[in-house]
């Protein structure tokens, strides 16, 4: 089992969900987050004053998947979250972490059965 954590642009969420659903990956947790990477924020004019916005709004997806679905999930996220053909700075990142155990509270199922097929 792996935990796939993806940081994406908010406007790409629907595309990513659709791409994951096509690969039979439906379960995820989505959080509003802010951060910066190479994008390093942006400048805005607010009431006549230039303001540096360093933390850019993003979405964080946490997806627990069994081993056979890891590469499919990564591929779906990469292709659907990318801006244009080649992508641009700020499209996001994907992290894959080992997932030691999972427990479905309702039934008490553990491991891969708790997160699905």
C-alpha atoms as a PDB file:
ATOM      1  CA  UNK A   1       0.000   0.000   0.000  1.00  0.00           C
ATOM      2  CA  UNK A   2       1.109   3.545  -0.762  1.00  0.00           C
ATOM      3  CA  UNK A   3      -0.087   7.019   0.125  1.00  0.00           C
ATOM      4  CA  UNK A   4       0.016   9.277  -2.919  1.00  0.00           C
ATOM      5  CA  UNK A   5       0.109  12.944  -1.938  1.00  0.00           C
ATOM      6  CA  UNK A   6      -0.363  15.426  -4.782  1.00  0.00           C
ATOM      7  CA  UNK A   7      -0.215  19.206  -4.666  1.00  0.00           C
ATOM      8  CA  UNK A   8      -2.096  20.650  -7.647  1.00  0.00           C
ATOM      9  CA  UNK A   9      -3.665  23.849  -8.961  1.00  0.00           C
ATOM     10  CA  UNK A  10      -7.237  24.289  -7.661  1.00  0.00           C
ATOM     11  CA  UNK A  11      -8.679  24.621 -11.164  1.00  0.00           C
ATOM     12  CA  UNK A  12      -7.304  21.168 -12.100  1.00  0.00           C
ATOM     13  CA  UNK A  13      -9.252  19.222  -9.455  1.00  0.00           C
ATOM     14  CA  UNK A  14     -12.128  18.138 -11.692  1.00  0.00           C
ATOM     15  CA  UNK A  15      -9.747  16.995 -14.450  1.00  0.00           C
ATOM     16  CA  UNK A  16      -7.690  15.001 -11.949  1.00  0.00           C
ATOM     17  CA  UNK A  17     -10.780  13.381 -10.391  1.00  0.00           C
ATOM     18  CA  UNK A  18     -12.046  12.382 -13.824  1.00  0.00           C
ATOM     19  CA  UNK A  19      -8.676  10.911 -14.839  1.00  0.00           C
ATOM     20  CA  UNK A  20      -8.403   8.956 -11.571  1.00  0.00           C
ATOM     21  CA  UNK A  21     -11.966   7.630 -11.912  1.00  0.00           C
ATOM     22  CA  UNK A  22     -11.098   6.311 -15.391  1.00  0.00           C
ATOM     23  CA  UNK A  23      -8.396   4.232 -13.675  1.00  0.00           C
ATOM     24  CA  UNK A  24     -10.731   2.994 -10.891  1.00  0.00           C
ATOM     25  CA  UNK A  25      -9.253   5.259  -8.207  1.00  0.00           C
ATOM     26  CA  UNK A  26     -12.120   7.018  -6.433  1.00  0.00           C
ATOM     27  CA  UNK A  27     -11.173   7.495  -2.778  1.00  0.00           C
ATOM     28  CA  UNK A  28      -9.267  10.640  -1.821  1.00  0.00           C
ATOM     29  CA  UNK A  29      -9.075  13.427   0.697  1.00  0.00           C
ATOM     30  CA  UNK A  30      -8.774  16.989  -0.628  1.00  0.00           C
ATOM     31  CA  UNK A  31      -7.498  19.917   1.454  1.00  0.00           C
ATOM     32  CA  UNK A  32      -7.042  23.601   0.661  1.00  0.00           C
ATOM     33  CA  UNK A  33      -3.396  24.481   1.245  1.00  0.00           C
ATOM     34  CA  UNK A  34      -1.013  27.334   0.474  1.00  0.00           C
ATOM     35  CA  UNK A  35       2.637  27.102  -0.378  1.00  0.00           C
ATOM     36  CA  UNK A  36       5.448  28.153  -2.650  1.00  0.00           C
ATOM     37  CA  UNK A  37       8.063  26.448  -4.720  1.00  0.00           C
ATOM     38  CA  UNK A  38       9.834  27.671  -7.820  1.00  0.00           C
ATOM     39  CA  UNK A  39       6.798  29.819  -8.528  1.00  0.00           C
ATOM     40  CA  UNK A  40       7.804  31.975  -5.516  1.00  0.00           C
ATOM     41  CA  UNK A  41       4.442  33.688  -5.332  1.00  0.00           C
ATOM     42  CA  UNK A  42       3.226  36.690  -7.296  1.00  0.00           C
ATOM     43  CA  UNK A  43       2.693  40.434  -6.978  1.00  0.00           C
ATOM     44  CA  UNK A  44      -0.726  42.083  -6.699  1.00  0.00           C
ATOM     45  CA  UNK A  45      -1.859  45.671  -6.392  1.00  0.00           C
ATOM     46  CA  UNK A  46      -4.205  46.121  -3.423  1.00  0.00           C
ATOM     47  CA  UNK A  47      -5.668  49.601  -2.800  1.00  0.00           C
ATOM     48  CA  UNK A  48      -2.872  51.209  -4.753  1.00  0.00           C
ATOM     49  CA  UNK A  49      -0.107  49.363  -2.909  1.00  0.00           C
ATOM     50  CA  UNK A  50       1.941  46.591  -4.449  1.00  0.00           C
ATOM     51  CA  UNK A  51       1.720  43.461  -2.299  1.00  0.00           C
ATOM     52  CA  UNK A  52       3.918  40.368  -2.607  1.00  0.00           C
ATOM     53  CA  UNK A  53       1.859  37.167  -2.242  1.00  0.00           C
ATOM     54  CA  UNK A  54       4.384  34.480  -1.337  1.00  0.00           C
ATOM     55  CA  UNK A  55       2.050  31.581  -0.532  1.00  0.00           C
ATOM     56  CA  UNK A  56       0.022  30.464  -3.527  1.00  0.00           C
ATOM     57  CA  UNK A  57      -3.327  28.652  -3.054  1.00  0.00           C
ATOM     58  CA  UNK A  58      -3.134  24.963  -3.997  1.00  0.00           C
ATOM     59  CA  UNK A  59      -5.036  21.737  -3.317  1.00  0.00           C
ATOM     60  CA  UNK A  60      -3.536  18.756  -1.537  1.00  0.00           C
ATOM     61  CA  UNK A  61      -4.864  15.336  -2.529  1.00  0.00           C
ATOM     62  CA  UNK A  62      -4.165  12.330  -0.311  1.00  0.00           C
ATOM     63  CA  UNK A  63      -4.929   9.038  -2.008  1.00  0.00           C
ATOM     64  CA  UNK A  64      -4.343   5.632  -0.400  1.00  0.00           C
ATOM     65  CA  UNK A  65      -3.908   2.959  -3.074  1.00  0.00           C
ATOM     66  CA  UNK A  66      -2.872  -0.659  -3.272  1.00  0.00           C
ATOM     67  CA  UNK A  67       0.325  -1.482  -5.169  1.00  0.00           C
ATOM     68  CA  UNK A  68      -1.310  -2.292  -8.550  1.00  0.00           C
ATOM     69  CA  UNK A  69      -2.880   1.199  -8.674  1.00  0.00           C
ATOM     70  CA  UNK A  70       0.162   3.320  -7.755  1.00  0.00           C
ATOM     71  CA  UNK A  71       1.551   3.920 -11.252  1.00  0.00           C
ATOM     72  CA  UNK A  72      -1.929   4.379 -12.743  1.00  0.00           C
ATOM     73  CA  UNK A  73      -2.749   7.020 -10.120  1.00  0.00           C
ATOM     74  CA  UNK A  74       0.540   8.860 -10.679  1.00  0.00           C
ATOM     75  CA  UNK A  75       0.115   8.807 -14.455  1.00  0.00           C
ATOM     76  CA  UNK A  76      -3.474  10.070 -14.190  1.00  0.00           C
ATOM     77  CA  UNK A  77      -2.463  12.964 -11.931  1.00  0.00           C
ATOM     78  CA  UNK A  78       0.549  13.970 -14.035  1.00  0.00           C
ATOM     79  CA  UNK A  79      -1.344  14.067 -17.319  1.00  0.00           C
ATOM     80  CA  UNK A  80      -4.481  15.756 -15.993  1.00  0.00           C
ATOM     81  CA  UNK A  81      -2.826  18.336 -13.704  1.00  0.00           C
ATOM     82  CA  UNK A  82      -0.268  19.509 -16.270  1.00  0.00           C
ATOM     83  CA  UNK A  83      -0.916  22.892 -17.887  1.00  0.00           C
ATOM     84  CA  UNK A  84      -0.610  22.688 -21.667  1.00  0.00           C
ATOM     85  CA  UNK A  85       1.506  20.113 -23.457  1.00  0.00           C
ATOM     86  CA  UNK A  86       4.762  20.679 -21.598  1.00  0.00           C
ATOM     87  CA  UNK A  87       3.507  22.062 -18.279  1.00  0.00           C
ATOM     88  CA  UNK A  88       4.470  25.237 -16.450  1.00  0.00           C
ATOM     89  CA  UNK A  89       6.016  26.195 -13.137  1.00  0.00           C
ATOM     90  CA  UNK A  90       3.415  25.788 -10.391  1.00  0.00           C
ATOM     91  CA  UNK A  91       1.651  22.722 -11.835  1.00  0.00           C
ATOM     92  CA  UNK A  92       2.440  20.826  -8.626  1.00  0.00           C
ATOM     93  CA  UNK A  93       4.229  17.821  -7.158  1.00  0.00           C
ATOM     94  CA  UNK A  94       3.464  14.210  -6.328  1.00  0.00           C
ATOM     95  CA  UNK A  95       4.910  12.376  -3.334  1.00  0.00           C
ATOM     96  CA  UNK A  96       4.595   8.614  -2.844  1.00  0.00           C
ATOM     97  CA  UNK A  97       4.932   7.354   0.723  1.00  0.00           C
ATOM     98  CA  UNK A  98       4.802   3.823   2.127  1.00  0.00           C
ATOM     99  CA  UNK A  99       1.553   3.146   3.944  1.00  0.00           C
ATOM    100  CA  UNK A 100       2.044   0.724   6.783  1.00  0.00           C
ATOM    101  CA  UNK A 101      -1.575   0.000   7.656  1.00  0.00           C
ATOM    102  CA  UNK A 102      -5.124   1.214   7.123  1.00  0.00           C
ATOM    103  CA  UNK A 103      -8.264   0.451   9.119  1.00  0.00           C
ATOM    104  CA  UNK A 104     -11.845   0.934   7.955  1.00  0.00           C
ATOM    105  CA  UNK A 105     -13.611   2.150  11.085  1.00  0.00           C
ATOM    106  CA  UNK A 106     -17.071   0.894  10.077  1.00  0.00           C
ATOM    107  CA  UNK A 107     -16.086  -2.751   9.519  1.00  0.00           C
ATOM    108  CA  UNK A 108     -12.695  -3.096  11.182  1.00  0.00           C
ATOM    109  CA  UNK A 109     -11.096  -4.276   7.909  1.00  0.00           C
ATOM    110  CA  UNK A 110      -7.348  -3.763   7.777  1.00  0.00           C
ATOM    111  CA  UNK A 111      -4.682  -3.324   5.166  1.00  0.00           C
ATOM    112  CA  UNK A 112      -5.468  -3.333   1.465  1.00  0.00           C
ATOM    113  CA  UNK A 113      -9.062  -4.418   2.051  1.00  0.00           C
ATOM    114  CA  UNK A 114      -9.686  -1.247   4.022  1.00  0.00           C
ATOM    115  CA  UNK A 115      -8.774   1.025   1.098  1.00  0.00           C
ATOM    116  CA  UNK A 116     -10.473  -0.891  -1.686  1.00  0.00           C
ATOM    117  CA  UNK A 117      -9.503  -3.007  -4.684  1.00  0.00           C
END
